[in-house]
Protein backbone atom coordinates (compact mmCIF):
# COMPACT_ATOMS: atom_id res chain seq x y z
CA MET A 1 16.94 2.90 1.93
CA LEU A 2 16.88 2.70 5.68
CA SER A 3 20.02 1.10 7.07
CA GLU A 4 21.37 0.85 10.60
CA LYS A 5 23.89 3.63 10.06
CA ALA A 6 21.01 6.08 9.69
CA CYS A 7 20.30 5.96 13.40
CA ASP A 8 23.69 5.04 14.87
CA SER A 9 24.12 8.37 16.65
CA THR A 10 20.61 8.36 18.11
CA ARG A 11 20.96 4.78 19.29
CA ARG A 12 24.12 5.66 21.18
CA ARG A 13 22.57 8.71 22.81
CA PRO A 14 18.92 8.01 23.64
CA VAL A 15 17.10 10.72 25.55
CA ASP A 16 15.00 9.63 28.56
CA ALA A 17 14.64 6.18 27.02
CA ALA A 18 14.19 4.37 30.32
CA VAL A 19 11.00 6.18 31.29
CA TYR A 20 8.90 4.17 28.84
CA ASN A 21 8.43 0.51 29.64
CA ALA A 22 5.79 -2.18 29.62
CA ARG A 23 4.26 -1.09 32.94
CA MET A 24 3.06 2.13 31.30
CA ILE A 25 0.24 0.24 29.61
CA GLU A 26 -1.74 0.71 32.84
CA THR A 27 -1.93 4.46 32.28
CA LEU A 28 -1.50 4.62 28.49
CA LEU A 29 -5.26 4.61 27.92
CA GLY A 30 -6.19 6.76 30.89
CA GLY A 31 -6.95 3.81 33.14
CA MET A 32 -9.19 2.07 30.61
CA LYS A 33 -8.83 -1.55 29.65
CA PRO A 34 -7.85 -1.96 25.99
CA GLN A 35 -11.23 -3.45 25.04
CA GLN A 36 -13.09 -0.57 26.66
CA PHE A 37 -11.05 1.88 24.60
CA LEU A 38 -11.72 -0.10 21.42
CA ASP A 39 -15.45 -0.31 22.15
CA GLU A 40 -15.95 3.34 23.07
CA TYR A 41 -13.34 5.33 21.12
CA TRP A 42 -11.56 3.37 18.38
CA GLN A 43 -12.67 4.80 15.03
CA LYS A 44 -15.51 6.59 16.80
CA LYS A 45 -14.36 9.73 18.65
CA PRO A 46 -11.25 11.49 19.97
CA LEU A 47 -9.77 10.83 23.39
CA LEU A 48 -7.45 13.11 25.34
CA ILE A 49 -5.31 11.29 27.91
CA ARG A 50 -3.45 13.49 30.36
CA ASN A 51 -0.14 12.09 31.58
CA ALA A 52 -0.56 8.97 29.45
CA VAL A 53 3.18 8.34 29.71
CA PRO A 54 4.37 9.77 33.05
CA GLY A 55 7.83 11.27 32.89
CA PHE A 56 8.03 11.11 29.10
CA LYS A 57 10.23 13.84 27.64
CA GLY A 58 10.91 12.29 24.27
CA LEU A 59 13.33 9.91 22.59
CA LEU A 60 15.38 12.41 20.59
CA THR A 61 16.73 15.92 20.94
CA PRO A 62 15.87 18.53 18.30
CA ALA A 63 19.46 18.31 17.03
CA GLN A 64 19.21 14.53 16.62
CA THR A 65 15.93 14.86 14.77
CA LYS A 66 17.41 17.34 12.31
CA GLN A 67 20.45 15.12 11.90
CA LEU A 68 18.22 12.17 10.96
CA ALA A 69 16.30 14.32 8.49
CA CYS A 70 19.57 14.93 6.64
CA ASP A 71 20.34 11.23 6.22
CA ASP A 72 19.89 9.62 2.81
CA ASP A 73 18.40 6.52 4.41
CA VAL A 74 15.52 8.23 6.25
CA GLU A 75 12.15 9.53 5.03
CA SER A 76 11.78 13.17 6.06
CA ARG A 77 9.98 16.39 5.17
CA LEU A 78 10.37 20.06 5.97
CA VAL A 79 7.17 22.11 6.11
CA CYS A 80 7.05 25.92 6.20
CA ALA A 81 4.19 28.40 6.12
CA SER A 82 5.74 31.10 3.96
CA GLY A 83 2.82 33.49 4.09
CA GLY A 84 1.26 32.55 7.38
CA HIS A 85 -1.31 29.88 8.18
CA GLU A 86 -4.25 31.97 7.07
CA ASP A 87 -3.48 32.43 3.39
CA GLY A 88 -2.41 28.87 2.66
CA GLY A 89 1.14 29.81 1.62
CA TRP A 90 2.59 26.41 2.45
CA GLN A 91 5.90 25.02 1.24
CA MET A 92 7.21 21.47 1.59
CA LEU A 93 10.64 20.02 0.90
CA ASN A 94 11.20 16.26 0.86
CA GLY A 95 14.37 14.86 2.40
CA PRO A 96 17.14 14.08 2.59
CA LEU A 97 17.55 17.63 3.85
CA ARG A 98 20.69 19.71 4.15
CA LYS A 99 21.67 21.82 7.12
CA ARG A 100 21.17 24.97 5.08
CA ASP A 101 17.56 23.95 4.33
CA PHE A 102 16.46 24.62 7.91
CA PRO A 103 15.16 28.21 8.21
CA LYS A 104 16.94 30.60 10.55
CA SER A 105 13.63 32.05 11.73
CA GLY A 106 9.88 31.74 11.34
CA ALA A 107 7.48 28.85 11.89
CA TRP A 108 8.54 25.51 10.44
CA THR A 109 8.35 21.78 11.10
CA VAL A 110 10.59 18.84 10.26
CA LEU A 111 9.08 15.34 10.23
CA VAL A 112 10.95 12.02 10.31
CA GLN A 113 9.11 8.79 9.45
CA GLY A 114 9.89 5.26 10.59
CA LEU A 115 11.77 6.10 13.77
CA ASN A 116 10.87 2.63 15.07
CA LEU A 117 12.86 1.03 12.26
CA CYS A 118 16.18 2.15 13.66
CA LEU A 119 15.80 3.15 17.31
CA ASP A 120 15.15 0.49 19.95
CA GLU A 121 13.32 2.90 22.27
CA ALA A 122 11.03 3.99 19.42
CA ASP A 123 10.15 0.38 18.62
CA GLU A 124 9.47 -0.23 22.30
CA LEU A 125 7.13 2.76 22.35
CA LEU A 126 5.30 1.54 19.25
CA ARG A 127 4.89 -1.96 20.70
CA GLN A 128 3.08 -0.58 23.74
CA PHE A 129 0.09 -0.45 21.39
CA ALA A 130 0.26 -4.19 20.73
CA PHE A 131 -3.30 -4.66 22.00
CA ILE A 132 -4.02 -3.75 18.37
CA PRO A 133 -2.81 -6.37 15.81
CA PHE A 134 0.62 -5.79 14.29
CA THR A 135 -1.11 -5.96 10.91
CA ARG A 136 -2.55 -2.51 11.73
CA LEU A 137 0.50 -0.88 13.32
CA ASP A 138 2.39 1.24 10.80
CA ASP A 139 5.18 3.37 12.21
CA LEU A 140 6.31 6.00 14.68
CA MET A 141 6.88 9.47 13.27
CA VAL A 142 8.57 12.29 15.16
CA SER A 143 8.08 15.96 14.38
CA TYR A 144 10.07 18.92 15.63
CA ALA A 145 8.55 22.39 15.30
CA THR A 146 9.58 25.93 16.12
CA ASP A 147 7.13 28.32 17.75
CA GLY A 148 3.97 28.45 15.63
CA GLY A 149 5.09 25.52 13.49
CA GLY A 150 2.73 22.84 12.22
CA VAL A 151 1.53 21.17 9.03
CA GLY A 152 -1.79 22.97 8.80
CA PRO A 153 -5.37 21.82 9.37
CA HIS A 154 -5.80 18.40 7.78
CA PHE A 155 -7.21 14.92 8.26
CA ASP A 156 -5.63 11.48 8.15
CA SER A 157 -7.17 8.39 6.61
CA TYR A 158 -5.95 6.27 9.52
CA ASP A 159 -6.08 6.19 13.32
CA VAL A 160 -3.33 8.09 15.12
CA PHE A 161 -2.09 8.63 18.68
CA LEU A 162 -0.28 11.96 19.17
CA LEU A 163 2.10 11.78 22.13
CA GLN A 164 3.68 15.02 23.28
CA GLY A 165 7.38 15.07 24.05
CA LEU A 166 9.38 18.28 24.42
CA GLY A 167 7.37 21.48 24.94
CA GLN A 168 3.69 22.16 24.26
CA ARG A 169 1.38 21.91 21.28
CA ARG A 170 -2.12 23.32 20.85
CA TRP A 171 -4.47 20.87 19.14
CA GLN A 172 -7.75 21.89 17.57
CA VAL A 173 -10.12 19.18 16.30
CA SER A 174 -13.39 19.03 14.42
CA ALA A 175 -15.86 16.34 13.37
CA GLN A 176 -16.76 18.39 10.29
CA LYS A 177 -17.96 16.59 7.20
CA ASN A 178 -16.57 19.18 4.78
CA LEU A 179 -13.11 17.81 3.97
CA GLU A 180 -12.47 19.90 0.86
CA LEU A 181 -8.75 20.59 0.40
CA VAL A 182 -6.89 23.72 -0.65
CA GLU A 183 -6.33 23.38 -4.38
CA GLY A 184 -2.70 23.27 -5.47
CA ALA A 185 -1.23 23.13 -1.96
CA PRO A 186 1.79 20.80 -1.49
CA LEU A 187 0.09 19.30 1.57
CA ARG A 188 -3.45 18.09 2.19
CA ILE A 189 -4.65 21.34 3.81
CA LEU A 190 -8.33 21.70 4.65
CA ASN A 191 -9.94 24.62 2.88
CA ASN A 192 -12.49 25.45 5.59
CA PHE A 193 -11.38 24.17 8.99
CA LYS A 194 -13.83 24.91 11.82
CA PRO A 195 -12.50 23.62 15.16
CA SER A 196 -14.99 22.51 17.77
CA GLN A 197 -12.56 21.46 20.56
CA GLU A 198 -9.14 22.65 21.64
CA TRP A 199 -6.48 21.39 24.07
CA ILE A 200 -2.89 22.20 24.95
CA LEU A 201 -0.79 19.07 25.37
CA GLU A 202 2.17 18.92 27.74
CA ALA A 203 4.97 16.34 27.82
CA GLY A 204 3.48 12.88 28.33
CA ASP A 205 -0.06 13.86 27.26
CA MET A 206 -1.58 11.96 24.36
CA LEU A 207 -4.46 12.56 21.94
CA TYR A 208 -6.17 9.80 19.98
CA LEU A 209 -7.93 10.71 16.73
CA PRO A 210 -10.07 8.44 14.52
CA PRO A 211 -9.69 8.43 10.72
CA LYS A 212 -10.87 11.52 8.82
CA TYR A 213 -11.16 13.59 12.00
CA ALA A 214 -10.03 17.11 11.11
CA HIS A 215 -7.24 18.48 13.30
CA ASN A 216 -4.60 21.16 13.50
CA GLY A 217 -1.56 21.17 15.78
CA VAL A 218 0.49 24.32 16.40
CA ALA A 219 3.67 24.45 18.46
CA ILE A 220 3.76 26.71 21.49
CA GLY A 221 7.43 27.47 21.61
CA GLU A 222 9.85 24.72 20.59
CA CYS A 223 8.11 21.34 20.65
CA MET A 224 8.31 17.69 19.57
CA THR A 225 5.43 15.27 18.97
CA TYR A 226 5.54 11.50 18.45
CA SER A 227 2.82 10.12 16.17
CA ILE A 228 1.82 6.46 16.36
CA GLY A 229 0.12 5.75 13.05
CA PHE A 230 -1.91 2.75 11.92
CA ARG A 231 -2.03 1.11 8.54
CA ALA A 232 -5.27 1.45 6.59
CA PRO A 233 -4.81 0.37 2.96
CA SER A 234 -7.49 1.46 0.55
CA ALA A 235 -9.74 -0.98 -1.26
CA ARG A 236 -7.99 -0.01 -4.49
CA GLU A 237 -4.55 -0.80 -3.02
CA LEU A 238 -5.72 -4.14 -1.65
CA SER A 239 -7.47 -5.17 -4.85
CA SER A 240 -4.48 -4.27 -7.04
CA ALA A 241 -2.08 -6.15 -4.78
CA PHE A 242 -4.41 -9.15 -4.52
CA LEU A 243 -4.80 -9.37 -8.29
CA ALA A 244 -1.00 -9.37 -8.62
CA PHE A 245 -0.87 -12.11 -5.97
CA LEU A 246 -3.46 -14.17 -7.85
CA GLU A 247 -1.59 -13.74 -11.13
CA GLU A 248 1.40 -15.55 -9.62
CA LYS A 249 -0.80 -18.37 -8.28
CA LEU A 250 -3.12 -18.84 -11.28
CA ALA A 251 -2.59 -21.83 -13.50
CA LEU A 252 -5.52 -21.69 -15.92
CA GLU A 253 -5.04 -24.07 -18.81
CA GLY A 254 -6.28 -24.09 -22.36
CA LEU A 255 -6.46 -21.64 -25.26
CA TYR A 256 -9.34 -19.68 -26.65
CA ALA A 257 -10.97 -21.72 -29.42
CA ASP A 258 -13.98 -21.29 -31.70
CA PRO A 259 -14.28 -24.33 -34.00
CA ASP A 260 -17.89 -23.38 -34.80
CA LEU A 261 -16.95 -19.88 -36.04
CA ARG A 262 -19.35 -18.43 -38.62
CA ALA A 263 -18.56 -15.95 -41.38
CA THR A 264 -19.54 -12.37 -40.46
CA PRO A 265 -20.47 -9.27 -42.48
CA THR A 266 -19.48 -7.05 -39.47
CA PRO A 267 -15.85 -7.97 -38.61
CA ALA A 268 -15.39 -5.04 -36.18
CA ARG A 269 -18.17 -6.27 -33.89
CA ILE A 270 -17.18 -8.32 -30.84
CA PRO A 271 -19.11 -11.57 -31.19
CA ASP A 272 -21.47 -12.49 -28.37
CA GLU A 273 -20.15 -16.05 -28.58
CA MET A 274 -16.62 -14.83 -27.91
CA ALA A 275 -17.70 -12.86 -24.83
CA GLU A 276 -19.56 -15.93 -23.55
CA ARG A 277 -16.54 -18.22 -24.02
CA VAL A 278 -14.15 -15.77 -22.33
CA THR A 279 -16.63 -15.29 -19.49
CA GLU A 280 -16.62 -19.05 -18.99
CA MET A 281 -12.80 -19.16 -19.03
CA LEU A 282 -12.47 -16.36 -16.48
CA SER A 283 -15.15 -17.86 -14.25
CA ARG A 284 -12.63 -20.59 -13.43
CA ILE A 285 -10.66 -18.06 -11.37
CA ARG A 286 -11.38 -18.99 -7.77
CA TRP A 287 -10.04 -18.04 -4.38
CA ALA A 288 -10.88 -18.95 -0.81
CA GLN A 289 -10.24 -17.39 2.57
CA ARG A 290 -6.98 -19.31 2.90
CA ASP A 291 -5.76 -17.55 -0.26
CA VAL A 292 -6.74 -14.16 1.15
CA THR A 293 -4.98 -15.01 4.42
CA GLU A 294 -1.79 -15.95 2.56
CA PHE A 295 -2.02 -12.75 0.53
CA LEU A 296 -2.44 -10.65 3.68
CA GLY A 297 0.47 -12.37 5.38
CA GLN A 298 2.81 -11.55 2.51
CA TYR A 299 1.41 -8.10 1.73
CA LEU A 300 1.32 -6.82 5.31
CA SER A 301 4.74 -8.18 6.28
CA GLU A 302 6.44 -6.77 3.18
CA PRO A 303 9.00 -4.11 4.21
CA LYS A 304 8.54 -0.64 2.76
CA PRO A 305 10.47 0.03 -0.46
CA HIS A 306 13.16 2.13 1.25
CA VAL A 307 14.00 -0.59 3.81
CA PHE A 308 16.77 -3.13 3.41
CA PHE A 309 18.62 -5.41 5.80
CA ASP A 310 22.26 -5.47 6.89
CA SER A 311 24.03 -8.75 7.46
CA PRO A 312 25.83 -8.95 10.82
CA GLN A 313 29.30 -7.43 10.84
CA LYS A 314 30.60 -10.50 12.62
CA GLU A 315 29.86 -13.78 10.86
CA LEU A 316 29.11 -16.70 13.15
CA THR A 317 29.05 -20.40 12.41
CA PRO A 318 25.72 -22.10 13.13
CA VAL A 319 27.28 -23.72 16.18
CA THR A 320 28.57 -20.40 17.57
CA PHE A 321 25.26 -18.71 16.76
CA LYS A 322 23.32 -21.37 18.69
CA ARG A 323 25.65 -21.18 21.68
CA THR A 324 25.46 -17.39 21.82
CA ALA A 325 21.68 -17.35 21.36
CA MET A 326 21.18 -19.95 24.07
CA ALA A 327 23.19 -17.79 26.47
CA GLY A 328 21.50 -14.46 25.78
CA GLY A 329 18.49 -14.90 23.53
CA ILE A 330 17.47 -13.45 20.17
CA ARG A 331 15.20 -10.65 18.93
CA LEU A 332 13.69 -9.70 15.62
CA ASP A 333 15.52 -6.91 13.84
CA LEU A 334 13.67 -3.60 14.16
CA ARG A 335 12.86 -3.69 10.45
CA THR A 336 11.58 -7.27 10.43
CA GLN A 337 7.85 -7.93 10.15
CA MET A 338 6.75 -11.38 11.25
CA LEU A 339 3.13 -12.54 11.15
CA TYR A 340 1.34 -15.85 11.29
CA ALA A 341 -2.04 -17.43 10.66
CA THR A 342 -3.33 -20.97 11.05
CA GLY A 343 -0.57 -23.23 9.80
CA LYS A 344 1.43 -20.48 8.05
CA PHE A 345 4.19 -18.03 8.96
CA PHE A 346 5.22 -14.91 7.05
CA LEU A 347 8.52 -13.06 7.31
CA ASN A 348 9.26 -9.84 5.43
CA GLY A 349 6.86 -10.56 2.60
CA GLU A 350 7.62 -14.27 2.21
CA VAL A 351 5.94 -17.48 3.32
CA VAL A 352 8.32 -19.40 5.60
CA VAL A 353 8.01 -23.06 6.48
CA ILE A 354 8.37 -23.63 10.22
CA PRO A 355 8.95 -27.14 11.59
CA ALA A 356 5.71 -28.31 13.19
CA ASN A 357 7.35 -28.95 16.55
CA ASP A 358 8.67 -25.37 16.62
CA ALA A 359 5.42 -23.58 15.76
CA ARG A 360 4.69 -22.57 19.35
CA VAL A 361 8.17 -21.07 19.83
CA PHE A 362 8.03 -19.13 16.56
CA ARG A 363 4.55 -17.82 17.35
CA ARG A 364 5.99 -16.45 20.59
CA LEU A 365 8.82 -14.83 18.65
CA ALA A 366 6.30 -13.17 16.31
CA ASN A 367 4.15 -11.87 19.17
CA GLU A 368 6.87 -10.84 21.62
CA ARG A 369 9.63 -10.13 19.04
CA THR A 370 12.18 -11.61 21.41
CA LEU A 371 13.06 -15.06 22.75
CA THR A 372 15.15 -16.10 25.72
CA GLN A 373 13.87 -19.64 26.28
CA LEU A 374 15.25 -21.64 23.36
CA GLU A 375 15.79 -25.07 24.83
CA ASP A 376 12.91 -26.66 22.91
CA VAL A 377 13.95 -25.51 19.42
CA SER A 378 14.64 -28.37 17.00
CA ASP A 379 17.76 -28.67 14.86
CA GLN A 380 15.71 -27.54 11.85
CA GLY A 381 14.49 -24.54 13.81
CA TRP A 382 18.05 -23.60 14.74
CA GLN A 383 19.12 -23.88 11.12
CA LEU A 384 16.31 -21.56 10.08
CA MET A 385 17.18 -18.98 12.76
CA ALA A 386 20.86 -19.11 11.78
CA GLU A 387 19.85 -18.30 8.18
CA TRP A 388 17.68 -15.40 9.37
CA TYR A 389 20.58 -14.12 11.45
CA ALA A 390 22.91 -14.23 8.44
CA ASP A 391 20.32 -12.29 6.41
CA GLY A 392 19.95 -9.63 9.12
CA PHE A 393 16.34 -10.55 9.94
CA ILE A 394 17.08 -11.40 13.58
CA ARG A 395 19.70 -10.20 16.07
CA LEU A 396 21.37 -11.65 19.09
CA LYS A 397 20.25 -9.89 22.24
CA ASP A 398 23.85 -9.09 23.12
CA GLY A 399 23.71 -6.50 20.33
CA HIS A 400 25.27 -8.41 17.43
């Protein structure tokens, strides 16, 4: 489970954190307006953006990345090509890693997921892509690789921005339709990768790739890459989760009955009459768009299984909390997901009832993830925020 202690050391020692701020949106997409990018590139074709984040060197050092990969509370992987990239001799070890797991030589890569869940600067970087709904943003992954390191030619089922930090990485991409994978490999390695384009990315350069676009990144010397990934649940995942959601909401009444039952010489045969009656019973299952919206709000704001929340170390009375928040403001905890739709709010997988007079303020909190103007919040709204603070869902901007 991902707790605050997992990233304490990185939070205290951010690397070049100040270089990334909201003004960078002007160059993030190579001078394009967000809608132009969405119209011309999103889920259509790759885009290379040179110097997308001027001055960006990264958020972590290699040592900090390896330290995180060894923490019980962080998702991590170590990938090695034991026999070289050509023969498919790949090995993967899931974290938490140990210091002795890192090879002394050769080409290898360590990947750390969910950096945005514990590092303020990583969350700030992820939120620069807020021209895309939060329902689609997934997480920020960082990878550190030695010379020649990578995870092999592969494809992702989601959109991804690959932002170069430390060093250089050579990216090869292909729009190939043959996505057959190497059988038995511990990773999803393409069996017959045929690159059609190639670039070398320097610090601050960024590459966007649509879903299922084949690519292969290889480190040139020591390098670090930050991957901004987007959520793309499969139809199977959505349908399974929605059926579970419906099961909790359904209230079908009655029992199966057949008062006109007839004697049968074939007892193993399912009677047509029974199938008709059950069809009629099940046809009473109904849902509308408002049900789907409520399902999406809960499903998409649900924290990942390894995430849990820490209550504040210093307990505050509601009065002290309000006074402190009024003075400095509040922010959503890095791990908190807050969404809303018409008339409904969702927080970390639950429907929350917001006082009608406070809806505008809480919508701003969901969109901006921080609030400094709190004068208009009602007493009920303050009570709700004090409860969220006690649960660890929100933080005071002074750091508590």
